[in-house]
């Protein structure tokens, strides 16, 4: 389907009254629709969420997510699945500059929006944890692995997991004093929410790196809210991943500062031990 907006206009006279109301809302603000969940569109049209889904199917889409993908293609010429800024006509120098600029903006916006109290609470939980388990799936899995790599420099057991079944087993043996770190860009990933709920039920402190005001944030003892730099229903998260990695660096630094000289000595020993893994620098 080349242009979903044209398709909506063509189908409008044949739609039911409720579906036509949804179509009118979308046509009046297609860019706003692109940034809205299905519940918001339904509320604006005064209809139920299933009605929005029916409208999407009436114009040849599999559902609301598929509709938004086609809407993005209609509104953004080029490669909407990669980045909102990139267009098919961009040369290498242009798209490289756009990606770096978008990432810089995302980092700046995340920095100004961080809840410092939540950072301090998370650092306190992590610094004195008996054990840390970190969980993320999909694009968040590498963030979980990076966090485990960084936190393992301190004197507590740390483990990154990406398998929900294995995570469920390990959570069964976790107790108060342990910390479960849940990473999700949207805060709506079902498996991450399920694991966080299990942790909370076992009185295990949950630290979340996720979207503010998300279901995952609501489950966390310390929720570090980071707004996604992209609409992930349409675009592949790129800058958002860099922001999450930076949050991990913030937490790692906070733990080192909270633990004081003992952590500094341990970090120095780790660095010394790693020297043997590298070839010597040439003069």
C-alpha atoms as a PDB file:
ATOM      1  CA  UNK A   1       0.000   0.000   0.000  1.00  0.00           C
ATOM      2  CA  UNK A   2       1.753   3.116  -1.254  1.00  0.00           C
ATOM      3  CA  UNK A   3      -0.014   5.751   0.843  1.00  0.00           C
ATOM      4  CA  UNK A   4      -2.216   4.924   3.808  1.00  0.00           C
ATOM      5  CA  UNK A   5      -3.528   8.501   4.021  1.00  0.00           C
ATOM      6  CA  UNK A   6      -4.899   8.320   0.467  1.00  0.00           C
ATOM      7  CA  UNK A   7      -6.405   4.926   1.313  1.00  0.00           C
ATOM      8  CA  UNK A   8      -8.177   6.388   4.362  1.00  0.00           C
ATOM      9  CA  UNK A   9      -9.654   9.175   2.270  1.00  0.00           C
ATOM     10  CA  UNK A  10     -10.824   6.688  -0.369  1.00  0.00           C
ATOM     11  CA  UNK A  11     -12.462   4.381   2.177  1.00  0.00           C
ATOM     12  CA  UNK A  12     -14.028   7.163   4.282  1.00  0.00           C
ATOM     13  CA  UNK A  13     -17.465   7.211   2.538  1.00  0.00           C
ATOM     14  CA  UNK A  14     -17.860   3.430   2.959  1.00  0.00           C
ATOM     15  CA  UNK A  15     -16.832   3.182   6.611  1.00  0.00           C
ATOM     16  CA  UNK A  16     -19.199   2.742   9.528  1.00  0.00           C
ATOM     17  CA  UNK A  17     -19.952   5.825  11.608  1.00  0.00           C
ATOM     18  CA  UNK A  18     -17.527   4.829  14.364  1.00  0.00           C
ATOM     19  CA  UNK A  19     -14.739   3.821  11.995  1.00  0.00           C
ATOM     20  CA  UNK A  20     -15.230   7.087  10.094  1.00  0.00           C
ATOM     21  CA  UNK A  21     -14.777   8.953  13.383  1.00  0.00           C
ATOM     22  CA  UNK A  22     -11.427   7.218  13.863  1.00  0.00           C
ATOM     23  CA  UNK A  23     -10.388   7.973  10.283  1.00  0.00           C
ATOM     24  CA  UNK A  24     -11.268  11.643  10.754  1.00  0.00           C
ATOM     25  CA  UNK A  25      -9.130  11.858  13.888  1.00  0.00           C
ATOM     26  CA  UNK A  26      -6.194  10.298  12.068  1.00  0.00           C
ATOM     27  CA  UNK A  27      -6.566  12.478   8.978  1.00  0.00           C
ATOM     28  CA  UNK A  28      -6.796  15.636  11.090  1.00  0.00           C
ATOM     29  CA  UNK A  29      -3.513  14.870  12.865  1.00  0.00           C
ATOM     30  CA  UNK A  30      -1.553  12.057  11.206  1.00  0.00           C
ATOM     31  CA  UNK A  31       1.719  13.041  12.899  1.00  0.00           C
ATOM     32  CA  UNK A  32       0.052  13.002  16.299  1.00  0.00           C
ATOM     33  CA  UNK A  33      -1.421   9.581  15.538  1.00  0.00           C
ATOM     34  CA  UNK A  34       2.048   8.300  14.757  1.00  0.00           C
ATOM     35  CA  UNK A  35       3.127   9.205  18.296  1.00  0.00           C
ATOM     36  CA  UNK A  36      -0.025   7.942  20.040  1.00  0.00           C
ATOM     37  CA  UNK A  37      -0.975   4.539  21.496  1.00  0.00           C
ATOM     38  CA  UNK A  38      -4.216   2.977  20.358  1.00  0.00           C
ATOM     39  CA  UNK A  39      -6.014   4.041  23.566  1.00  0.00           C
ATOM     40  CA  UNK A  40      -5.340   7.728  22.874  1.00  0.00           C
ATOM     41  CA  UNK A  41      -6.656   7.503  19.307  1.00  0.00           C
ATOM     42  CA  UNK A  42      -9.763   5.685  20.536  1.00  0.00           C
ATOM     43  CA  UNK A  43     -10.380   8.311  23.209  1.00  0.00           C
ATOM     44  CA  UNK A  44     -10.065  11.179  20.719  1.00  0.00           C
ATOM     45  CA  UNK A  45     -12.555   9.498  18.387  1.00  0.00           C
ATOM     46  CA  UNK A  46     -14.927   8.584  21.200  1.00  0.00           C
ATOM     47  CA  UNK A  47     -14.853   4.897  20.321  1.00  0.00           C
ATOM     48  CA  UNK A  48     -13.471   1.665  21.753  1.00  0.00           C
ATOM     49  CA  UNK A  49      -9.971   0.373  21.062  1.00  0.00           C
ATOM     50  CA  UNK A  50     -11.321  -2.602  19.021  1.00  0.00           C
ATOM     51  CA  UNK A  51     -13.008  -0.056  16.724  1.00  0.00           C
ATOM     52  CA  UNK A  52      -9.615   1.501  15.985  1.00  0.00           C
ATOM     53  CA  UNK A  53      -8.250  -1.949  15.166  1.00  0.00           C
ATOM     54  CA  UNK A  54     -11.229  -2.635  12.870  1.00  0.00           C
ATOM     55  CA  UNK A  55     -10.566   0.624  11.019  1.00  0.00           C
ATOM     56  CA  UNK A  56      -6.933  -0.397  10.523  1.00  0.00           C
ATOM     57  CA  UNK A  57      -8.036  -3.734   9.069  1.00  0.00           C
ATOM     58  CA  UNK A  58     -10.613  -2.033   6.870  1.00  0.00           C
ATOM     59  CA  UNK A  59      -7.791  -0.254   5.045  1.00  0.00           C
ATOM     60  CA  UNK A  60      -5.690  -3.402   4.625  1.00  0.00           C
ATOM     61  CA  UNK A  61      -3.490  -3.398   7.725  1.00  0.00           C
ATOM     62  CA  UNK A  62      -2.913  -6.257  10.149  1.00  0.00           C
ATOM     63  CA  UNK A  63      -3.510  -4.056  13.186  1.00  0.00           C
ATOM     64  CA  UNK A  64      -2.623  -0.712  14.740  1.00  0.00           C
ATOM     65  CA  UNK A  65       1.140  -1.332  14.782  1.00  0.00           C
ATOM     66  CA  UNK A  66       1.101  -2.243  11.086  1.00  0.00           C
ATOM     67  CA  UNK A  67      -1.076   0.792  10.388  1.00  0.00           C
ATOM     68  CA  UNK A  68       1.471   3.076  12.101  1.00  0.00           C
ATOM     69  CA  UNK A  69       4.287   1.600  10.040  1.00  0.00           C
ATOM     70  CA  UNK A  70       2.397   2.385   6.825  1.00  0.00           C
ATOM     71  CA  UNK A  71       1.440   5.814   8.168  1.00  0.00           C
ATOM     72  CA  UNK A  72       5.112   6.543   8.822  1.00  0.00           C
ATOM     73  CA  UNK A  73       5.949   5.541   5.270  1.00  0.00           C
ATOM     74  CA  UNK A  74       3.319   7.991   4.038  1.00  0.00           C
ATOM     75  CA  UNK A  75       4.552  10.857   6.218  1.00  0.00           C
ATOM     76  CA  UNK A  76       8.310  10.298   6.203  1.00  0.00           C
ATOM     77  CA  UNK A  77       9.928   9.751   2.824  1.00  0.00           C
ATOM     78  CA  UNK A  78      12.929   7.497   2.942  1.00  0.00           C
ATOM     79  CA  UNK A  79      13.730   4.897   5.566  1.00  0.00           C
ATOM     80  CA  UNK A  80      11.408   5.367   8.563  1.00  0.00           C
ATOM     81  CA  UNK A  81      12.408   2.047  10.157  1.00  0.00           C
ATOM     82  CA  UNK A  82      15.979   3.307  10.655  1.00  0.00           C
ATOM     83  CA  UNK A  83      15.706   6.891  11.859  1.00  0.00           C
ATOM     84  CA  UNK A  84      13.212   9.715  11.624  1.00  0.00           C
ATOM     85  CA  UNK A  85      16.005  11.985  10.392  1.00  0.00           C
ATOM     86  CA  UNK A  86      17.397   9.830   7.574  1.00  0.00           C
ATOM     87  CA  UNK A  87      16.108  10.047   4.015  1.00  0.00           C
ATOM     88  CA  UNK A  88      16.858   7.851   1.027  1.00  0.00           C
ATOM     89  CA  UNK A  89      18.557  10.753  -0.755  1.00  0.00           C
ATOM     90  CA  UNK A  90      21.117  11.236   2.034  1.00  0.00           C
ATOM     91  CA  UNK A  91      24.750  10.670   1.164  1.00  0.00           C
ATOM     92  CA  UNK A  92      27.097   8.950   3.577  1.00  0.00           C
ATOM     93  CA  UNK A  93      28.388  12.158   5.152  1.00  0.00           C
ATOM     94  CA  UNK A  94      24.826  13.414   5.631  1.00  0.00           C
ATOM     95  CA  UNK A  95      23.328  10.345   7.301  1.00  0.00           C
ATOM     96  CA  UNK A  96      26.423   9.898   9.494  1.00  0.00           C
ATOM     97  CA  UNK A  97      26.065  13.475  10.739  1.00  0.00           C
ATOM     98  CA  UNK A  98      22.310  13.019  11.304  1.00  0.00           C
ATOM     99  CA  UNK A  99      22.783   9.878  13.404  1.00  0.00           C
ATOM    100  CA  UNK A 100      25.466  11.500  15.572  1.00  0.00           C
ATOM    101  CA  UNK A 101      23.380  14.662  15.973  1.00  0.00           C
ATOM    102  CA  UNK A 102      20.264  12.666  16.912  1.00  0.00           C
ATOM    103  CA  UNK A 103      22.244  10.714  19.504  1.00  0.00           C
ATOM    104  CA  UNK A 104      23.719  13.906  20.972  1.00  0.00           C
ATOM    105  CA  UNK A 105      20.232  15.401  21.293  1.00  0.00           C
ATOM    106  CA  UNK A 106      18.904  12.246  22.926  1.00  0.00           C
ATOM    107  CA  UNK A 107      21.714  12.245  25.501  1.00  0.00           C
ATOM    108  CA  UNK A 108      21.158  15.913  26.313  1.00  0.00           C
ATOM    109  CA  UNK A 109      17.404  15.470  26.712  1.00  0.00           C
ATOM    110  CA  UNK A 110      17.902  12.390  28.892  1.00  0.00           C
ATOM    111  CA  UNK A 111      20.388  14.238  31.088  1.00  0.00           C
ATOM    112  CA  UNK A 112      18.031  17.136  31.721  1.00  0.00           C
ATOM    113  CA  UNK A 113      15.120  14.803  32.439  1.00  0.00           C
ATOM    114  CA  UNK A 114      16.797  12.346  34.820  1.00  0.00           C
ATOM    115  CA  UNK A 115      15.329  11.958  38.301  1.00  0.00           C
ATOM    116  CA  UNK A 116      18.396  12.379  40.518  1.00  0.00           C
ATOM    117  CA  UNK A 117      16.521  11.007  43.524  1.00  0.00           C
ATOM    118  CA  UNK A 118      15.817   7.797  41.605  1.00  0.00           C
ATOM    119  CA  UNK A 119      19.489   7.574  40.621  1.00  0.00           C
ATOM    120  CA  UNK A 120      20.546   7.933  44.264  1.00  0.00           C
ATOM    121  CA  UNK A 121      18.022   5.314  45.370  1.00  0.00           C
ATOM    122  CA  UNK A 122      19.193   2.868  42.689  1.00  0.00           C
ATOM    123  CA  UNK A 123      22.855   3.419  43.567  1.00  0.00           C
ATOM    124  CA  UNK A 124      22.118   2.743  47.233  1.00  0.00           C
ATOM    125  CA  UNK A 125      20.350  -0.514  46.438  1.00  0.00           C
ATOM    126  CA  UNK A 126      23.028  -1.713  44.036  1.00  0.00           C
ATOM    127  CA  UNK A 127      26.055  -0.723  46.094  1.00  0.00           C
ATOM    128  CA  UNK A 128      24.986  -2.842  49.063  1.00  0.00           C
ATOM    129  CA  UNK A 129      23.229  -5.653  47.205  1.00  0.00           C
ATOM    130  CA  UNK A 130      23.955  -9.214  48.262  1.00  0.00           C
ATOM    131  CA  UNK A 131      23.397 -10.285  44.667  1.00  0.00           C
ATOM    132  CA  UNK A 132      22.410  -8.542  41.425  1.00  0.00           C
ATOM    133  CA  UNK A 133      20.470 -10.138  38.564  1.00  0.00           C
ATOM    134  CA  UNK A 134      19.933  -8.077  35.414  1.00  0.00           C
ATOM    135  CA  UNK A 135      17.270  -8.932  32.836  1.00  0.00           C
ATOM    136  CA  UNK A 136      16.555  -7.605  29.363  1.00  0.00           C
ATOM    137  CA  UNK A 137      15.257  -9.073  26.127  1.00  0.00           C
ATOM    138  CA  UNK A 138      15.561  -8.055  22.484  1.00  0.00           C
ATOM    139  CA  UNK A 139      17.397  -4.773  22.114  1.00  0.00           C
ATOM    140  CA  UNK A 140      17.694  -4.451  25.888  1.00  0.00           C
ATOM    141  CA  UNK A 141      19.654  -7.709  26.205  1.00  0.00           C
ATOM    142  CA  UNK A 142      22.998  -6.103  25.244  1.00  0.00           C
ATOM    143  CA  UNK A 143      22.348  -3.360  27.798  1.00  0.00           C
ATOM    144  CA  UNK A 144      21.847  -6.005  30.486  1.00  0.00           C
ATOM    145  CA  UNK A 145      25.092  -7.693  29.483  1.00  0.00           C
ATOM    146  CA  UNK A 146      26.980  -4.395  29.567  1.00  0.00           C
ATOM    147  CA  UNK A 147      25.587  -3.644  33.029  1.00  0.00           C
ATOM    148  CA  UNK A 148      26.713  -7.053  34.284  1.00  0.00           C
ATOM    149  CA  UNK A 149      30.156  -6.461  32.801  1.00  0.00           C
ATOM    150  CA  UNK A 150      30.447  -3.108  34.586  1.00  0.00           C
ATOM    151  CA  UNK A 151      28.912  -4.144  37.935  1.00  0.00           C
ATOM    152  CA  UNK A 152      31.032  -7.306  38.123  1.00  0.00           C
ATOM    153  CA  UNK A 153      34.012  -5.124  39.002  1.00  0.00           C
ATOM    154  CA  UNK A 154      32.559  -4.743  42.491  1.00  0.00           C
ATOM    155  CA  UNK A 155      32.526  -7.361  45.236  1.00  0.00           C
ATOM    156  CA  UNK A 156      29.077  -8.864  44.713  1.00  0.00           C
ATOM    157  CA  UNK A 157      27.772 -11.651  42.440  1.00  0.00           C
ATOM    158  CA  UNK A 158      26.290 -10.224  39.226  1.00  0.00           C
ATOM    159  CA  UNK A 159      24.475 -12.066  36.447  1.00  0.00           C
ATOM    160  CA  UNK A 160      22.856 -10.922  33.189  1.00  0.00           C
ATOM    161  CA  UNK A 161      19.958 -13.028  31.906  1.00  0.00           C
ATOM    162  CA  UNK A 162      17.966 -12.941  28.678  1.00  0.00           C
ATOM    163  CA  UNK A 163      15.958 -16.170  29.014  1.00  0.00           C
ATOM    164  CA  UNK A 164      12.643 -15.708  30.878  1.00  0.00           C
ATOM    165  CA  UNK A 165      12.485 -19.369  31.948  1.00  0.00           C
ATOM    166  CA  UNK A 166      15.983 -19.313  33.424  1.00  0.00           C
ATOM    167  CA  UNK A 167      15.254 -15.952  35.025  1.00  0.00           C
ATOM    168  CA  UNK A 168      12.080 -17.292  36.614  1.00  0.00           C
ATOM    169  CA  UNK A 169      14.055 -20.183  38.124  1.00  0.00           C
ATOM    170  CA  UNK A 170      16.752 -17.894  39.526  1.00  0.00           C
ATOM    171  CA  UNK A 171      14.232 -15.404  40.895  1.00  0.00           C
ATOM    172  CA  UNK A 172      12.675 -18.187  42.939  1.00  0.00           C
ATOM    173  CA  UNK A 173      15.852 -18.356  45.021  1.00  0.00           C
ATOM    174  CA  UNK A 174      16.334 -14.604  45.408  1.00  0.00           C
ATOM    175  CA  UNK A 175      15.570 -12.972  48.746  1.00  0.00           C
ATOM    176  CA  UNK A 176      15.435  -9.516  50.349  1.00  0.00           C
ATOM    177  CA  UNK A 177      18.862  -7.925  50.041  1.00  0.00           C
ATOM    178  CA  UNK A 178      19.151  -9.024  46.421  1.00  0.00           C
ATOM    179  CA  UNK A 179      18.466  -6.590  43.570  1.00  0.00           C
ATOM    180  CA  UNK A 180      16.732  -7.312  40.269  1.00  0.00           C
ATOM    181  CA  UNK A 181      17.560  -4.839  37.489  1.00  0.00           C
ATOM    182  CA  UNK A 182      14.927  -4.794  34.726  1.00  0.00           C
ATOM    183  CA  UNK A 183      15.701  -3.040  31.445  1.00  0.00           C
ATOM    184  CA  UNK A 184      12.998  -2.214  28.908  1.00  0.00           C
ATOM    185  CA  UNK A 185      12.837   0.708  26.513  1.00  0.00           C
ATOM    186  CA  UNK A 186       9.031   0.757  26.536  1.00  0.00           C
ATOM    187  CA  UNK A 187       8.355  -0.604  30.012  1.00  0.00           C
ATOM    188  CA  UNK A 188       5.591  -2.693  28.430  1.00  0.00           C
ATOM    189  CA  UNK A 189       7.442  -5.885  27.439  1.00  0.00           C
ATOM    190  CA  UNK A 190       5.423  -8.738  28.919  1.00  0.00           C
ATOM    191  CA  UNK A 191       8.303 -11.015  29.917  1.00  0.00           C
ATOM    192  CA  UNK A 192      10.142  -8.178  31.668  1.00  0.00           C
ATOM    193  CA  UNK A 193       6.996  -7.180  33.551  1.00  0.00           C
ATOM    194  CA  UNK A 194       6.400 -10.782  34.627  1.00  0.00           C
ATOM    195  CA  UNK A 195       9.945 -11.124  35.974  1.00  0.00           C
ATOM    196  CA  UNK A 196       9.716  -7.798  37.817  1.00  0.00           C
ATOM    197  CA  UNK A 197       6.429  -8.879  39.400  1.00  0.00           C
ATOM    198  CA  UNK A 198       8.000 -12.134  40.611  1.00  0.00           C
ATOM    199  CA  UNK A 199      10.932 -10.224  42.080  1.00  0.00           C
ATOM    200  CA  UNK A 200       8.653  -7.759  43.857  1.00  0.00           C
ATOM    201  CA  UNK A 201       6.509 -10.602  45.235  1.00  0.00           C
ATOM    202  CA  UNK A 202       9.693 -12.112  46.739  1.00  0.00           C
ATOM    203  CA  UNK A 203      10.528  -8.766  48.378  1.00  0.00           C
ATOM    204  CA  UNK A 204      13.507  -8.377  46.023  1.00  0.00           C
ATOM    205  CA  UNK A 205      14.238  -4.732  45.245  1.00  0.00           C
ATOM    206  CA  UNK A 206      13.569  -3.880  41.589  1.00  0.00           C
ATOM    207  CA  UNK A 207      15.632  -1.248  39.796  1.00  0.00           C
ATOM    208  CA  UNK A 208      14.218  -0.346  36.384  1.00  0.00           C
ATOM    209  CA  UNK A 209      15.820   1.465  33.461  1.00  0.00           C
ATOM    210  CA  UNK A 210      12.740   2.166  31.421  1.00  0.00           C
ATOM    211  CA  UNK A 211      10.200   4.649  30.122  1.00  0.00           C
ATOM    212  CA  UNK A 212       8.826   7.009  32.761  1.00  0.00           C
ATOM    213  CA  UNK A 213       5.270   6.343  33.979  1.00  0.00           C
ATOM    214  CA  UNK A 214       5.349   2.887  32.354  1.00  0.00           C
ATOM    215  CA  UNK A 215       3.978  -0.322  33.915  1.00  0.00           C
ATOM    216  CA  UNK A 216       7.553  -1.428  34.661  1.00  0.00           C
ATOM    217  CA  UNK A 217       8.383   1.862  36.355  1.00  0.00           C
ATOM    218  CA  UNK A 218       5.360   1.368  38.612  1.00  0.00           C
ATOM    219  CA  UNK A 219       6.758  -1.975  39.814  1.00  0.00           C
ATOM    220  CA  UNK A 220      10.208  -0.645  40.668  1.00  0.00           C
ATOM    221  CA  UNK A 221      11.627   0.467  43.991  1.00  0.00           C
ATOM    222  CA  UNK A 222      13.874   2.751  41.944  1.00  0.00           C
ATOM    223  CA  UNK A 223      12.717   3.629  38.434  1.00  0.00           C
ATOM    224  CA  UNK A 224      15.173   5.521  36.265  1.00  0.00           C
ATOM    225  CA  UNK A 225      12.849   6.982  33.680  1.00  0.00           C
ATOM    226  CA  UNK A 226      14.365   7.512  30.247  1.00  0.00           C
ATOM    227  CA  UNK A 227      12.025   8.600  27.469  1.00  0.00           C
ATOM    228  CA  UNK A 228      12.633   6.778  24.202  1.00  0.00           C
ATOM    229  CA  UNK A 229      14.387   8.890  21.597  1.00  0.00           C
ATOM    230  CA  UNK A 230      12.337   7.123  18.903  1.00  0.00           C
ATOM    231  CA  UNK A 231       8.794   5.916  18.410  1.00  0.00           C
ATOM    232  CA  UNK A 232       9.765   2.252  18.607  1.00  0.00           C
ATOM    233  CA  UNK A 233       6.508   1.173  16.978  1.00  0.00           C
ATOM    234  CA  UNK A 234       8.040   2.639  13.813  1.00  0.00           C
ATOM    235  CA  UNK A 235      11.761   3.200  14.232  1.00  0.00           C
ATOM    236  CA  UNK A 236      14.549   0.878  15.335  1.00  0.00           C
ATOM    237  CA  UNK A 237      15.829   2.107  18.735  1.00  0.00           C
ATOM    238  CA  UNK A 238      19.289   3.552  18.154  1.00  0.00           C
ATOM    239  CA  UNK A 239      19.884   6.666  20.218  1.00  0.00           C
ATOM    240  CA  UNK A 240      17.770   5.164  23.008  1.00  0.00           C
ATOM    241  CA  UNK A 241      20.284   2.338  23.409  1.00  0.00           C
ATOM    242  CA  UNK A 242      23.137   4.834  23.796  1.00  0.00           C
ATOM    243  CA  UNK A 243      21.146   6.636  26.490  1.00  0.00           C
ATOM    244  CA  UNK A 244      20.571   3.367  28.365  1.00  0.00           C
ATOM    245  CA  UNK A 245      24.274   2.507  28.181  1.00  0.00           C
ATOM    246  CA  UNK A 246      25.075   5.939  29.586  1.00  0.00           C
ATOM    247  CA  UNK A 247      22.658   5.341  32.471  1.00  0.00           C
ATOM    248  CA  UNK A 248      24.559   2.112  33.208  1.00  0.00           C
ATOM    249  CA  UNK A 249      27.783   4.146  33.313  1.00  0.00           C
ATOM    250  CA  UNK A 250      26.122   6.607  35.697  1.00  0.00           C
ATOM    251  CA  UNK A 251      25.080   3.786  38.025  1.00  0.00           C
ATOM    252  CA  UNK A 252      28.541   2.177  37.859  1.00  0.00           C
ATOM    253  CA  UNK A 253      30.200   5.458  38.793  1.00  0.00           C
ATOM    254  CA  UNK A 254      27.674   6.035  41.559  1.00  0.00           C
ATOM    255  CA  UNK A 255      28.379   2.600  43.042  1.00  0.00           C
ATOM    256  CA  UNK A 256      32.132   3.252  43.007  1.00  0.00           C
ATOM    257  CA  UNK A 257      31.680   6.592  44.743  1.00  0.00           C
ATOM    258  CA  UNK A 258      29.238   5.167  47.286  1.00  0.00           C
ATOM    259  CA  UNK A 259      31.556   2.276  48.220  1.00  0.00           C
ATOM    260  CA  UNK A 260      34.543   4.576  48.593  1.00  0.00           C
ATOM    261  CA  UNK A 261      38.230   3.589  48.898  1.00  0.00           C
ATOM    262  CA  UNK A 262      37.607  -0.157  49.055  1.00  0.00           C
ATOM    263  CA  UNK A 263      35.944  -0.046  45.636  1.00  0.00           C
ATOM    264  CA  UNK A 264      38.680   2.174  44.260  1.00  0.00           C
ATOM    265  CA  UNK A 265      41.333  -0.325  45.382  1.00  0.00           C
ATOM    266  CA  UNK A 266      39.352  -3.192  43.841  1.00  0.00           C
ATOM    267  CA  UNK A 267      38.988  -1.338  40.541  1.00  0.00           C
ATOM    268  CA  UNK A 268      42.724  -0.684  40.502  1.00  0.00           C
ATOM    269  CA  UNK A 269      43.428  -4.381  41.037  1.00  0.00           C
ATOM    270  CA  UNK A 270      41.036  -5.296  38.235  1.00  0.00           C
ATOM    271  CA  UNK A 271      42.811  -2.931  35.848  1.00  0.00           C
ATOM    272  CA  UNK A 272      46.179  -4.378  36.846  1.00  0.00           C
ATOM    273  CA  UNK A 273      44.921  -7.898  36.295  1.00  0.00           C
ATOM    274  CA  UNK A 274      43.652  -7.014  32.819  1.00  0.00           C
ATOM    275  CA  UNK A 275      47.010  -5.693  31.648  1.00  0.00           C
ATOM    276  CA  UNK A 276      48.244  -9.227  30.957  1.00  0.00           C
ATOM    277  CA  UNK A 277      45.409  -9.745  28.473  1.00  0.00           C
ATOM    278  CA  UNK A 278      46.752  -7.099  26.086  1.00  0.00           C
ATOM    279  CA  UNK A 279      49.816  -6.772  23.935  1.00  0.00           C
ATOM    280  CA  UNK A 280      52.164  -4.036  25.210  1.00  0.00           C
ATOM    281  CA  UNK A 281      51.890  -0.634  23.553  1.00  0.00           C
ATOM    282  CA  UNK A 282      54.587   0.265  21.100  1.00  0.00           C
ATOM    283  CA  UNK A 283      56.624   3.416  21.674  1.00  0.00           C
END
